[in-house]
């Protein structure tokens, strides 16, 4: 694998990780909202 291919692979992995981090943040926010709503129902 040459340097260009390696750089492309690294960039692809970086983009994937950034997308996963964003998705985790969305899920965390949804969980926090659901938890607050659940507390309000008690």
N, C-alpha and C. Protein backbone atom coordinates (compact mmCIF):
# COMPACT_ATOMS: atom_id res chain seq x y z
N UNK A 1 0.86 -1.18 0.00
CA UNK A 1 0.00 0.00 0.00
C UNK A 1 0.90 1.24 0.00
N UNK A 2 0.69 2.10 -0.97
CA UNK A 2 1.53 3.29 -1.01
C UNK A 2 0.98 4.37 -0.08
N UNK A 3 1.74 5.45 0.02
CA UNK A 3 1.37 6.51 0.98
C UNK A 3 0.01 7.13 0.67
N UNK A 4 -0.30 7.27 -0.61
CA UNK A 4 -1.59 7.88 -0.99
C UNK A 4 -2.74 6.98 -0.56
N UNK A 5 -2.61 5.70 -0.80
CA UNK A 5 -3.66 4.76 -0.39
C UNK A 5 -3.80 4.75 1.12
N UNK A 6 -2.69 4.78 1.81
CA UNK A 6 -2.71 4.78 3.28
C UNK A 6 -3.38 6.05 3.80
N UNK A 7 -3.05 7.19 3.19
CA UNK A 7 -3.65 8.46 3.59
C UNK A 7 -5.16 8.43 3.35
N UNK A 8 -5.56 7.87 2.22
CA UNK A 8 -7.01 7.76 1.93
C UNK A 8 -7.70 6.87 2.94
N UNK A 9 -7.06 5.79 3.28
CA UNK A 9 -7.64 4.86 4.27
C UNK A 9 -7.75 5.54 5.63
N UNK A 10 -6.73 6.27 6.03
CA UNK A 10 -6.75 6.98 7.31
C UNK A 10 -7.86 8.03 7.30
N UNK A 11 -8.00 8.77 6.20
CA UNK A 11 -9.05 9.78 6.12
C UNK A 11 -10.43 9.15 6.17
N UNK A 12 -10.59 8.02 5.51
CA UNK A 12 -11.86 7.31 5.54
C UNK A 12 -12.19 6.86 6.96
N UNK A 13 -11.21 6.31 7.64
CA UNK A 13 -11.42 5.88 9.03
C UNK A 13 -11.74 7.08 9.93
N UNK A 14 -11.07 8.19 9.69
CA UNK A 14 -11.33 9.41 10.48
C UNK A 14 -12.77 9.86 10.28
N UNK A 15 -13.24 9.87 9.03
CA UNK A 15 -14.62 10.28 8.76
C UNK A 15 -15.61 9.32 9.42
N UNK A 16 -15.31 8.04 9.36
CA UNK A 16 -16.18 7.05 9.99
C UNK A 16 -16.24 7.27 11.50
N UNK A 17 -15.09 7.50 12.10
CA UNK A 17 -15.06 7.74 13.55
C UNK A 17 -15.82 9.01 13.92
N UNK A 18 -15.66 10.06 13.12
CA UNK A 18 -16.39 11.30 13.40
C UNK A 18 -17.90 11.08 13.31
N UNK A 19 -18.33 10.31 12.30
CA UNK A 19 -19.75 10.01 12.16
C UNK A 19 -20.27 9.20 13.35
N UNK A 20 -19.48 8.22 13.78
CA UNK A 20 -19.88 7.41 14.94
C UNK A 20 -19.95 8.25 16.21
N UNK A 21 -19.00 9.15 16.39
CA UNK A 21 -19.02 10.02 17.57
C UNK A 21 -20.26 10.90 17.55
N UNK A 22 -20.62 11.44 16.38
CA UNK A 22 -21.83 12.26 16.28
C UNK A 22 -23.07 11.43 16.60
N UNK A 23 -23.12 10.22 16.09
CA UNK A 23 -24.27 9.34 16.34
C UNK A 23 -24.38 9.01 17.83
N UNK A 24 -23.26 8.76 18.48
CA UNK A 24 -23.26 8.50 19.92
C UNK A 24 -23.78 9.72 20.67
N UNK A 25 -23.38 10.92 20.23
CA UNK A 25 -23.86 12.13 20.90
C UNK A 25 -25.38 12.28 20.74
N UNK A 26 -25.88 11.99 19.53
CA UNK A 26 -27.34 12.04 19.32
C UNK A 26 -28.04 11.04 20.22
N UNK A 27 -27.51 9.83 20.31
CA UNK A 27 -28.12 8.81 21.16
C UNK A 27 -28.06 9.21 22.63
N UNK A 28 -26.95 9.81 23.04
CA UNK A 28 -26.81 10.27 24.42
C UNK A 28 -27.86 11.34 24.72
N UNK A 29 -28.03 12.25 23.78
CA UNK A 29 -29.04 13.31 23.97
C UNK A 29 -30.44 12.72 24.04
N UNK A 30 -30.73 11.75 23.16
CA UNK A 30 -32.04 11.09 23.20
C UNK A 30 -32.27 10.38 24.52
N UNK A 31 -31.25 9.71 25.01
CA UNK A 31 -31.35 9.00 26.27
C UNK A 31 -31.58 9.97 27.42
N UNK A 32 -30.89 11.09 27.40
CA UNK A 32 -31.06 12.10 28.45
C UNK A 32 -32.48 12.66 28.42
N UNK A 33 -32.98 12.93 27.22
CA UNK A 33 -34.35 13.45 27.08
C UNK A 33 -35.36 12.42 27.58
N UNK A 34 -35.18 11.17 27.19
CA UNK A 34 -36.10 10.12 27.62
C UNK A 34 -36.06 9.96 29.13
N UNK A 35 -34.88 10.07 29.71
CA UNK A 35 -34.74 9.94 31.16
C UNK A 35 -35.48 11.07 31.87
N UNK A 36 -35.34 12.29 31.35
CA UNK A 36 -36.03 13.43 31.96
C UNK A 36 -37.54 13.27 31.84
N UNK A 37 -38.00 12.81 30.66
CA UNK A 37 -39.43 12.59 30.47
C UNK A 37 -39.94 11.50 31.40
N UNK A 38 -39.15 10.48 31.60
CA UNK A 38 -39.52 9.39 32.49
C UNK A 38 -39.63 9.89 33.93
N UNK A 39 -38.70 10.73 34.34
CA UNK A 39 -38.76 11.29 35.70
C UNK A 39 -40.03 12.14 35.87
N UNK A 40 -40.41 12.84 34.81
CA UNK A 40 -41.61 13.67 34.88
C UNK A 40 -42.89 12.86 35.01
N UNK A 41 -42.86 11.62 34.57
CA UNK A 41 -44.05 10.76 34.64
C UNK A 41 -44.23 10.15 36.02
N UNK A 42 -43.19 10.15 36.80
CA UNK A 42 -43.27 9.51 38.13
C UNK A 42 -44.03 10.37 39.11
